[in-house]
Amino acid sequence: MPAKKRTRSYDPVKTRAAVLAQFEQVRQAVRTLDAEQLASPTRLGDWTVRDLAAHVTMALETVSRNLERDEPAKAELTLLEWPFATADRAADIADGTRRLAEANPDLDALYARTGQRLTEALAGAPGTRLLAARTGAMPLDDYLVTRTVELVVHTDDLNAAVPGLEIPYDRQALAACTRLLADALAAKAPGGSTEVRIPPYAVVQCVEGPRHTRGTPPNVVETDPLTWIRLATGRLAWAEALEEAKVSASGERADLGGLLPILS
């Protein structure tokens, strides 16, 4: 279990807006895809683009569905624990995604229903309201931060799968996703010997060893947000990122290869 660490605060108003904005960006892109593009493979095993597009709605429908359920008695999962609690559900998610894609040939209609249900469900819902998520009960505000991860990661998956597709990233969604995955690394490998920089969104200290206090840190890792997200989710291998100069790493404790991915 990752070490306990103080959770970063997120502006709930901005997070809600970011979730809705990124979902709409994906919807607008998906509605332009033809049958051949939707049947194309993705980097997610045997998922097609259609499967992946359907999965995005499933990731958002969990908010609406859980707001309709009875509220749990207590929280079971913190925001920083969420990235480490998702792997056990991979098989169920894959099965549910395929069933959803098969049952909804009209993806735009599916997106329209999902977006409307989400907007209506969020209206007036307090951020402290607990959701009975399968990974563990969480407050709504925290759970919406996890939805930025789902949306940003799968936006990148869609862009990678369809040549020429360039779905934009909402800045706030990208920032929240980057920060949560960076903080999860710091929780997984607590310490102060290595500084991980992901400008302009995050800087974290991690890895056991001599703590840096002043001047230039002896161990520094720096990369851009999308490269970091790909590393943290296993879309890109550490060695490949170094070879392609997508990440810079200096110092004897700057090798993060053994700590990645964070989310799988």
C-alpha atoms as a PDB file:
ATOM      1  CA  MET A   1       0.000   0.000   0.000  1.00  0.00           C
ATOM      2  CA  PRO A   2       1.448   3.411  -0.918  1.00  0.00           C
ATOM      3  CA  ALA A   3       2.530   5.613   1.960  1.00  0.00           C
ATOM      4  CA  LYS A   4       0.064   8.106   3.402  1.00  0.00           C
ATOM      5  CA  LYS A   5       0.511  11.542   1.882  1.00  0.00           C
ATOM      6  CA  ARG A   6      -1.403  14.791   2.100  1.00  0.00           C
ATOM      7  CA  THR A   7      -3.795  15.047  -0.807  1.00  0.00           C
ATOM      8  CA  ARG A   8      -3.533  18.021  -3.139  1.00  0.00           C
ATOM      9  CA  SER A   9      -6.649  20.170  -3.301  1.00  0.00           C
ATOM     10  CA  TYR A  10      -8.595  20.615  -6.533  1.00  0.00           C
ATOM     11  CA  ASP A  11     -11.073  23.358  -7.351  1.00  0.00           C
ATOM     12  CA  PRO A  12     -14.390  21.461  -7.565  1.00  0.00           C
ATOM     13  CA  VAL A  13     -16.030  24.016  -9.857  1.00  0.00           C
ATOM     14  CA  LYS A  14     -13.145  23.849 -12.315  1.00  0.00           C
ATOM     15  CA  THR A  15     -13.040  20.056 -12.113  1.00  0.00           C
ATOM     16  CA  ARG A  16     -16.726  19.712 -12.961  1.00  0.00           C
ATOM     17  CA  ALA A  17     -16.346  22.093 -15.880  1.00  0.00           C
ATOM     18  CA  ALA A  18     -13.251  20.238 -17.086  1.00  0.00           C
ATOM     19  CA  VAL A  19     -14.996  16.848 -17.047  1.00  0.00           C
ATOM     20  CA  LEU A  20     -17.924  18.159 -19.064  1.00  0.00           C
ATOM     21  CA  ALA A  21     -15.665  20.055 -21.477  1.00  0.00           C
ATOM     22  CA  GLN A  22     -13.352  17.115 -22.182  1.00  0.00           C
ATOM     23  CA  PHE A  23     -16.278  14.762 -22.641  1.00  0.00           C
ATOM     24  CA  GLU A  24     -17.760  17.155 -25.203  1.00  0.00           C
ATOM     25  CA  GLN A  25     -14.423  17.360 -27.029  1.00  0.00           C
ATOM     26  CA  VAL A  26     -14.404  13.576 -27.364  1.00  0.00           C
ATOM     27  CA  ARG A  27     -18.042  13.490 -28.452  1.00  0.00           C
ATOM     28  CA  GLN A  28     -17.471  16.011 -31.223  1.00  0.00           C
ATOM     29  CA  ALA A  29     -14.523  13.974 -32.514  1.00  0.00           C
ATOM     30  CA  VAL A  30     -16.225  10.577 -32.306  1.00  0.00           C
ATOM     31  CA  ARG A  31     -19.201  11.773 -34.339  1.00  0.00           C
ATOM     32  CA  THR A  32     -16.815  12.468 -37.275  1.00  0.00           C
ATOM     33  CA  LEU A  33     -15.472   8.895 -37.428  1.00  0.00           C
ATOM     34  CA  ASP A  34     -16.615   6.597 -40.212  1.00  0.00           C
ATOM     35  CA  ALA A  35     -17.224   2.847 -40.013  1.00  0.00           C
ATOM     36  CA  GLU A  36     -13.700   1.964 -41.109  1.00  0.00           C
ATOM     37  CA  GLN A  37     -12.132   4.221 -38.496  1.00  0.00           C
ATOM     38  CA  LEU A  38     -14.410   2.893 -35.766  1.00  0.00           C
ATOM     39  CA  ALA A  39     -13.360  -0.659 -36.650  1.00  0.00           C
ATOM     40  CA  SER A  40      -9.649   0.218 -36.401  1.00  0.00           C
ATOM     41  CA  PRO A  41      -7.504  -1.343 -33.674  1.00  0.00           C
ATOM     42  CA  THR A  42      -6.240   0.564 -30.644  1.00  0.00           C
ATOM     43  CA  ARG A  43      -3.248   0.115 -28.372  1.00  0.00           C
ATOM     44  CA  LEU A  44      -5.589  -1.368 -25.753  1.00  0.00           C
ATOM     45  CA  GLY A  45      -5.386  -5.058 -26.567  1.00  0.00           C
ATOM     46  CA  ASP A  46      -8.218  -6.181 -28.832  1.00  0.00           C
ATOM     47  CA  TRP A  47     -10.351  -3.086 -28.315  1.00  0.00           C
ATOM     48  CA  THR A  48     -11.461  -1.299 -31.470  1.00  0.00           C
ATOM     49  CA  VAL A  49     -11.944   2.440 -31.713  1.00  0.00           C
ATOM     50  CA  ARG A  50     -15.685   1.804 -31.318  1.00  0.00           C
ATOM     51  CA  ASP A  51     -15.052  -0.116 -28.101  1.00  0.00           C
ATOM     52  CA  LEU A  52     -12.821   2.655 -26.790  1.00  0.00           C
ATOM     53  CA  ALA A  53     -15.324   5.363 -27.702  1.00  0.00           C
ATOM     54  CA  ALA A  54     -18.072   3.470 -25.905  1.00  0.00           C
ATOM     55  CA  HIS A  55     -15.860   2.994 -22.864  1.00  0.00           C
ATOM     56  CA  VAL A  56     -15.488   6.757 -22.468  1.00  0.00           C
ATOM     57  CA  THR A  57     -19.227   7.032 -21.892  1.00  0.00           C
ATOM     58  CA  MET A  58     -19.114   4.167 -19.417  1.00  0.00           C
ATOM     59  CA  ALA A  59     -16.447   5.976 -17.415  1.00  0.00           C
ATOM     60  CA  LEU A  60     -18.763   8.995 -17.103  1.00  0.00           C
ATOM     61  CA  GLU A  61     -21.982   7.044 -16.606  1.00  0.00           C
ATOM     62  CA  THR A  62     -20.567   5.753 -13.320  1.00  0.00           C
ATOM     63  CA  VAL A  63     -21.043   9.249 -11.884  1.00  0.00           C
ATOM     64  CA  SER A  64     -24.730   9.442 -12.833  1.00  0.00           C
ATOM     65  CA  ARG A  65     -25.450   5.853 -11.828  1.00  0.00           C
ATOM     66  CA  ASN A  66     -23.772   6.155  -8.434  1.00  0.00           C
ATOM     67  CA  LEU A  67     -25.562   9.404  -7.655  1.00  0.00           C
ATOM     68  CA  GLU A  68     -28.837   7.505  -8.119  1.00  0.00           C
ATOM     69  CA  ARG A  69     -27.815   4.845  -5.621  1.00  0.00           C
ATOM     70  CA  ASP A  70     -28.033   5.047  -1.852  1.00  0.00           C
ATOM     71  CA  GLU A  71     -25.158   6.946  -0.306  1.00  0.00           C
ATOM     72  CA  PRO A  72     -22.584   4.728   1.448  1.00  0.00           C
ATOM     73  CA  ALA A  73     -22.142   5.111   5.190  1.00  0.00           C
ATOM     74  CA  LYS A  74     -18.499   6.129   4.955  1.00  0.00           C
ATOM     75  CA  ALA A  75     -15.661   6.783   2.531  1.00  0.00           C
ATOM     76  CA  GLU A  76     -13.466   3.785   1.730  1.00  0.00           C
ATOM     77  CA  LEU A  77     -10.910   5.181  -0.684  1.00  0.00           C
ATOM     78  CA  THR A  78      -8.881   8.382  -0.821  1.00  0.00           C
ATOM     79  CA  LEU A  79      -8.043  10.144  -4.042  1.00  0.00           C
ATOM     80  CA  LEU A  80      -4.387   9.121  -3.799  1.00  0.00           C
ATOM     81  CA  GLU A  81      -5.357   5.486  -3.282  1.00  0.00           C
ATOM     82  CA  TRP A  82      -7.565   5.371  -6.376  1.00  0.00           C
ATOM     83  CA  PRO A  83      -4.781   4.847  -8.979  1.00  0.00           C
ATOM     84  CA  PHE A  84      -3.693   1.705  -7.156  1.00  0.00           C
ATOM     85  CA  ALA A  85      -7.202   0.269  -6.877  1.00  0.00           C
ATOM     86  CA  THR A  86      -8.133   0.072 -10.554  1.00  0.00           C
ATOM     87  CA  ALA A  87      -6.162  -2.925 -11.829  1.00  0.00           C
ATOM     88  CA  ASP A  88      -8.391  -5.560 -10.201  1.00  0.00           C
ATOM     89  CA  ARG A  89     -11.362  -4.426 -12.281  1.00  0.00           C
ATOM     90  CA  ALA A  90      -9.711  -4.665 -15.707  1.00  0.00           C
ATOM     91  CA  ALA A  91     -11.508  -7.838 -16.824  1.00  0.00           C
ATOM     92  CA  ASP A  92     -14.951  -6.594 -15.762  1.00  0.00           C
ATOM     93  CA  ILE A  93     -14.343  -3.273 -17.496  1.00  0.00           C
ATOM     94  CA  ALA A  94     -13.338  -4.978 -20.737  1.00  0.00           C
ATOM     95  CA  ASP A  95     -16.446  -7.189 -20.758  1.00  0.00           C
ATOM     96  CA  GLY A  96     -18.744  -4.293 -19.955  1.00  0.00           C
ATOM     97  CA  THR A  97     -17.163  -2.144 -22.645  1.00  0.00           C
ATOM     98  CA  ARG A  98     -17.745  -4.724 -25.374  1.00  0.00           C
ATOM     99  CA  ARG A  99     -21.365  -5.217 -24.341  1.00  0.00           C
ATOM    100  CA  LEU A 100     -21.953  -1.468 -24.319  1.00  0.00           C
ATOM    101  CA  ALA A 101     -20.418  -1.001 -27.772  1.00  0.00           C
ATOM    102  CA  GLU A 102     -22.486  -3.838 -29.246  1.00  0.00           C
ATOM    103  CA  ALA A 103     -25.710  -2.554 -27.704  1.00  0.00           C
ATOM    104  CA  ASN A 104     -25.211   1.026 -28.915  1.00  0.00           C
ATOM    105  CA  PRO A 105     -24.395   1.203 -32.633  1.00  0.00           C
ATOM    106  CA  ASP A 106     -25.355   4.906 -32.607  1.00  0.00           C
ATOM    107  CA  LEU A 107     -22.469   6.311 -30.607  1.00  0.00           C
ATOM    108  CA  ASP A 108     -23.579   9.916 -30.909  1.00  0.00           C
ATOM    109  CA  ALA A 109     -26.910   9.056 -29.327  1.00  0.00           C
ATOM    110  CA  LEU A 110     -25.068   7.231 -26.550  1.00  0.00           C
ATOM    111  CA  TYR A 111     -22.865  10.278 -25.963  1.00  0.00           C
ATOM    112  CA  ALA A 112     -25.888  12.587 -25.953  1.00  0.00           C
ATOM    113  CA  ARG A 113     -27.683  10.496 -23.314  1.00  0.00           C
ATOM    114  CA  THR A 114     -24.568  10.176 -21.197  1.00  0.00           C
ATOM    115  CA  GLY A 115     -23.833  13.889 -21.315  1.00  0.00           C
ATOM    116  CA  GLN A 116     -27.396  14.850 -20.452  1.00  0.00           C
ATOM    117  CA  ARG A 117     -27.591  12.400 -17.565  1.00  0.00           C
ATOM    118  CA  LEU A 118     -24.261  13.615 -16.202  1.00  0.00           C
ATOM    119  CA  THR A 119     -25.237  17.282 -16.404  1.00  0.00           C
ATOM    120  CA  GLU A 120     -28.561  16.631 -14.695  1.00  0.00           C
ATOM    121  CA  ALA A 121     -27.007  14.409 -12.033  1.00  0.00           C
ATOM    122  CA  LEU A 122     -24.362  16.984 -11.125  1.00  0.00           C
ATOM    123  CA  ALA A 123     -26.867  19.824 -10.820  1.00  0.00           C
ATOM    124  CA  GLY A 124     -27.189  20.458  -7.111  1.00  0.00           C
ATOM    125  CA  ALA A 125     -25.177  17.402  -6.061  1.00  0.00           C
ATOM    126  CA  PRO A 126     -22.868  18.381  -3.178  1.00  0.00           C
ATOM    127  CA  GLY A 127     -19.208  17.577  -3.587  1.00  0.00           C
ATOM    128  CA  THR A 128     -19.143  15.780  -0.252  1.00  0.00           C
ATOM    129  CA  ARG A 129     -21.783  13.295  -1.405  1.00  0.00           C
ATOM    130  CA  LEU A 130     -20.287   9.793  -1.247  1.00  0.00           C
ATOM    131  CA  LEU A 131     -20.437   7.578  -4.324  1.00  0.00           C
ATOM    132  CA  ALA A 132     -20.470   3.785  -4.091  1.00  0.00           C
ATOM    133  CA  ALA A 133     -17.798   3.317  -6.762  1.00  0.00           C
ATOM    134  CA  ARG A 134     -16.600  -0.243  -7.341  1.00  0.00           C
ATOM    135  CA  THR A 135     -13.055   0.731  -6.431  1.00  0.00           C
ATOM    136  CA  GLY A 136     -14.353   2.043  -3.085  1.00  0.00           C
ATOM    137  CA  ALA A 137     -16.688   4.733  -1.794  1.00  0.00           C
ATOM    138  CA  MET A 138     -15.402   8.245  -2.500  1.00  0.00           C
ATOM    139  CA  PRO A 139     -16.715  11.819  -2.269  1.00  0.00           C
ATOM    140  CA  LEU A 140     -18.101  13.157  -5.529  1.00  0.00           C
ATOM    141  CA  ASP A 141     -15.487  15.912  -5.803  1.00  0.00           C
ATOM    142  CA  ASP A 142     -12.666  13.350  -5.553  1.00  0.00           C
ATOM    143  CA  TYR A 143     -14.331  10.945  -7.944  1.00  0.00           C
ATOM    144  CA  LEU A 144     -14.646  13.666 -10.575  1.00  0.00           C
ATOM    145  CA  VAL A 145     -10.881  14.188 -10.407  1.00  0.00           C
ATOM    146  CA  THR A 146     -10.483  10.515 -11.312  1.00  0.00           C
ATOM    147  CA  ARG A 147     -12.770  11.110 -14.292  1.00  0.00           C
ATOM    148  CA  THR A 148     -10.294  13.654 -15.668  1.00  0.00           C
ATOM    149  CA  VAL A 149      -7.740  10.828 -15.717  1.00  0.00           C
ATOM    150  CA  GLU A 150     -10.125   8.529 -17.587  1.00  0.00           C
ATOM    151  CA  LEU A 151     -11.007  11.242 -20.105  1.00  0.00           C
ATOM    152  CA  VAL A 152      -7.503  12.525 -20.775  1.00  0.00           C
ATOM    153  CA  VAL A 153      -5.919   9.073 -21.009  1.00  0.00           C
ATOM    154  CA  HIS A 154      -8.568   7.802 -23.415  1.00  0.00           C
ATOM    155  CA  THR A 155      -8.494  11.003 -25.445  1.00  0.00           C
ATOM    156  CA  ASP A 156      -4.823  10.243 -26.003  1.00  0.00           C
ATOM    157  CA  ASP A 157      -5.684   6.621 -26.858  1.00  0.00           C
ATOM    158  CA  LEU A 158      -8.177   7.777 -29.488  1.00  0.00           C
ATOM    159  CA  ASN A 159      -5.734  10.267 -30.980  1.00  0.00           C
ATOM    160  CA  ALA A 160      -3.116   7.513 -31.211  1.00  0.00           C
ATOM    161  CA  ALA A 161      -5.537   5.074 -32.849  1.00  0.00           C
ATOM    162  CA  VAL A 162      -6.922   7.282 -35.617  1.00  0.00           C
ATOM    163  CA  PRO A 163      -4.411   8.953 -37.948  1.00  0.00           C
ATOM    164  CA  GLY A 164      -5.122  12.660 -38.223  1.00  0.00           C
ATOM    165  CA  LEU A 165      -7.456  12.767 -35.240  1.00  0.00           C
ATOM    166  CA  GLU A 166      -6.464  15.578 -32.904  1.00  0.00           C
ATOM    167  CA  ILE A 167      -8.955  15.800 -30.054  1.00  0.00           C
ATOM    168  CA  PRO A 168      -8.019  18.850 -27.960  1.00  0.00           C
ATOM    169  CA  TYR A 169      -7.284  18.580 -24.253  1.00  0.00           C
ATOM    170  CA  ASP A 170      -9.096  20.804 -21.815  1.00  0.00           C
ATOM    171  CA  ARG A 171      -6.328  22.546 -19.864  1.00  0.00           C
ATOM    172  CA  GLN A 172      -7.888  21.957 -16.463  1.00  0.00           C
ATOM    173  CA  ALA A 173      -8.558  18.287 -17.214  1.00  0.00           C
ATOM    174  CA  LEU A 174      -4.981  17.780 -18.384  1.00  0.00           C
ATOM    175  CA  ALA A 175      -3.656  19.550 -15.303  1.00  0.00           C
ATOM    176  CA  ALA A 176      -5.728  17.487 -12.872  1.00  0.00           C
ATOM    177  CA  CYS A 177      -4.794  14.223 -14.573  1.00  0.00           C
ATOM    178  CA  THR A 178      -1.094  15.105 -14.558  1.00  0.00           C
ATOM    179  CA  ARG A 179      -1.111  16.151 -10.904  1.00  0.00           C
ATOM    180  CA  LEU A 180      -2.976  13.134  -9.603  1.00  0.00           C
ATOM    181  CA  LEU A 181      -0.640  10.692 -11.357  1.00  0.00           C
ATOM    182  CA  ALA A 182       2.420  12.658 -10.202  1.00  0.00           C
ATOM    183  CA  ASP A 183       1.180  12.664  -6.611  1.00  0.00           C
ATOM    184  CA  ALA A 184       0.521   8.935  -6.888  1.00  0.00           C
ATOM    185  CA  LEU A 185       4.172   8.410  -7.835  1.00  0.00           C
ATOM    186  CA  ALA A 186       5.237  10.373  -4.750  1.00  0.00           C
ATOM    187  CA  ALA A 187       2.926   8.227  -2.619  1.00  0.00           C
ATOM    188  CA  LYS A 188       4.264   5.016  -4.169  1.00  0.00           C
ATOM    189  CA  ALA A 189       7.906   6.000  -3.684  1.00  0.00           C
ATOM    190  CA  PRO A 190       7.992   8.430  -0.731  1.00  0.00           C
ATOM    191  CA  GLY A 191      11.150  10.416  -0.205  1.00  0.00           C
ATOM    192  CA  GLY A 192      12.876  13.613  -1.172  1.00  0.00           C
ATOM    193  CA  SER A 193      15.935  12.615  -3.172  1.00  0.00           C
ATOM    194  CA  THR A 194      14.426  12.963  -6.659  1.00  0.00           C
ATOM    195  CA  GLU A 195      12.498  15.850  -8.141  1.00  0.00           C
ATOM    196  CA  VAL A 196      10.033  15.042 -10.921  1.00  0.00           C
ATOM    197  CA  ARG A 197       9.077  18.064 -12.989  1.00  0.00           C
ATOM    198  CA  ILE A 198       6.119  18.070 -15.366  1.00  0.00           C
ATOM    199  CA  PRO A 199       5.769  21.686 -16.421  1.00  0.00           C
ATOM    200  CA  PRO A 200       3.558  23.591 -16.268  1.00  0.00           C
ATOM    201  CA  TYR A 201       1.405  21.458 -13.990  1.00  0.00           C
ATOM    202  CA  ALA A 202       3.347  19.509 -11.383  1.00  0.00           C
ATOM    203  CA  VAL A 203       6.547  19.128  -9.405  1.00  0.00           C
ATOM    204  CA  VAL A 204       6.869  16.337  -6.846  1.00  0.00           C
ATOM    205  CA  GLN A 205       9.601  14.963  -4.602  1.00  0.00           C
ATOM    206  CA  CYS A 206       9.957  11.190  -4.354  1.00  0.00           C
ATOM    207  CA  VAL A 207      12.339   8.233  -3.847  1.00  0.00           C
ATOM    208  CA  GLU A 208      14.177   7.489  -0.607  1.00  0.00           C
ATOM    209  CA  GLY A 209      17.613   9.014  -0.143  1.00  0.00           C
ATOM    210  CA  PRO A 210      19.248  12.280   0.881  1.00  0.00           C
ATOM    211  CA  ARG A 211      16.627  15.030   0.908  1.00  0.00           C
ATOM    212  CA  HIS A 212      17.282  18.019  -1.310  1.00  0.00           C
ATOM    213  CA  THR A 213      16.778  21.391   0.391  1.00  0.00           C
ATOM    214  CA  ARG A 214      18.553  24.124  -1.599  1.00  0.00           C
ATOM    215  CA  GLY A 215      19.919  24.764  -5.084  1.00  0.00           C
ATOM    216  CA  THR A 216      19.687  22.368  -8.004  1.00  0.00           C
ATOM    217  CA  PRO A 217      18.499  18.893  -6.945  1.00  0.00           C
ATOM    218  CA  PRO A 218      21.035  16.086  -7.566  1.00  0.00           C
ATOM    219  CA  ASN A 219      18.366  13.868  -9.134  1.00  0.00           C
ATOM    220  CA  VAL A 220      15.951  15.414 -11.607  1.00  0.00           C
ATOM    221  CA  VAL A 221      13.403  13.954 -14.016  1.00  0.00           C
ATOM    222  CA  GLU A 222      11.586  16.245 -16.417  1.00  0.00           C
ATOM    223  CA  THR A 223       9.040  15.611 -19.136  1.00  0.00           C
ATOM    224  CA  ASP A 224       5.875  17.040 -20.667  1.00  0.00           C
ATOM    225  CA  PRO A 225       2.358  16.220 -19.412  1.00  0.00           C
ATOM    226  CA  LEU A 226       1.321  13.786 -22.154  1.00  0.00           C
ATOM    227  CA  THR A 227       4.597  11.871 -21.990  1.00  0.00           C
ATOM    228  CA  TRP A 228       4.224  11.633 -18.224  1.00  0.00           C
ATOM    229  CA  ILE A 229       0.659  10.370 -18.530  1.00  0.00           C
ATOM    230  CA  ARG A 230       1.760   7.740 -21.054  1.00  0.00           C
ATOM    231  CA  LEU A 231       4.559   6.630 -18.740  1.00  0.00           C
ATOM    232  CA  ALA A 232       2.289   6.552 -15.700  1.00  0.00           C
ATOM    233  CA  THR A 233      -0.342   4.455 -17.491  1.00  0.00           C
ATOM    234  CA  GLY A 234       1.994   2.037 -19.268  1.00  0.00           C
ATOM    235  CA  ARG A 235       1.402   3.452 -22.742  1.00  0.00           C
ATOM    236  CA  LEU A 236       5.100   4.297 -23.020  1.00  0.00           C
ATOM    237  CA  ALA A 237       8.063   2.423 -21.562  1.00  0.00           C
ATOM    238  CA  TRP A 238      10.658   4.329 -19.541  1.00  0.00           C
ATOM    239  CA  ALA A 239      13.560   3.079 -21.677  1.00  0.00           C
ATOM    240  CA  GLU A 240      11.764   4.080 -24.870  1.00  0.00           C
ATOM    241  CA  ALA A 241      11.028   7.547 -23.520  1.00  0.00           C
ATOM    242  CA  LEU A 242      14.698   8.042 -22.647  1.00  0.00           C
ATOM    243  CA  GLU A 243      15.878   6.757 -26.019  1.00  0.00           C
ATOM    244  CA  GLU A 244      13.517   9.082 -27.862  1.00  0.00           C
ATOM    245  CA  ALA A 245      14.514  12.035 -25.624  1.00  0.00           C
ATOM    246  CA  LYS A 246      10.937  12.458 -24.446  1.00  0.00           C
ATOM    247  CA  VAL A 247      12.149  12.536 -20.856  1.00  0.00           C
ATOM    248  CA  SER A 248      15.368  13.798 -19.291  1.00  0.00           C
ATOM    249  CA  ALA A 249      16.782  12.112 -16.207  1.00  0.00           C
ATOM    250  CA  SER A 250      19.939  13.082 -14.333  1.00  0.00           C
ATOM    251  CA  GLY A 251      21.353  11.611 -11.143  1.00  0.00           C
ATOM    252  CA  GLU A 252      21.783   8.122  -9.729  1.00  0.00           C
ATOM    253  CA  ARG A 253      18.247   8.075  -8.297  1.00  0.00           C
ATOM    254  CA  ALA A 254      16.539   9.439 -11.412  1.00  0.00           C
ATOM    255  CA  ASP A 255      15.673   6.060 -12.949  1.00  0.00           C
ATOM    256  CA  LEU A 256      11.914   5.690 -12.505  1.00  0.00           C
ATOM    257  CA  GLY A 257      11.628   2.582 -14.679  1.00  0.00           C
ATOM    258  CA  GLY A 258      11.030   0.276 -11.733  1.00  0.00           C
ATOM    259  CA  LEU A 259       8.221   2.467 -10.372  1.00  0.00           C
ATOM    260  CA  LEU A 260       6.186   2.706 -13.556  1.00  0.00           C
ATOM    261  CA  PRO A 261       3.456   2.350 -14.552  1.00  0.00           C
ATOM    262  CA  ILE A 262       1.382   3.858 -11.757  1.00  0.00           C
ATOM    263  CA  LEU A 263      -2.009   3.129 -13.289  1.00  0.00           C
ATOM    264  CA  SER A 264      -2.548   0.015 -15.402  1.00  0.00           C
END
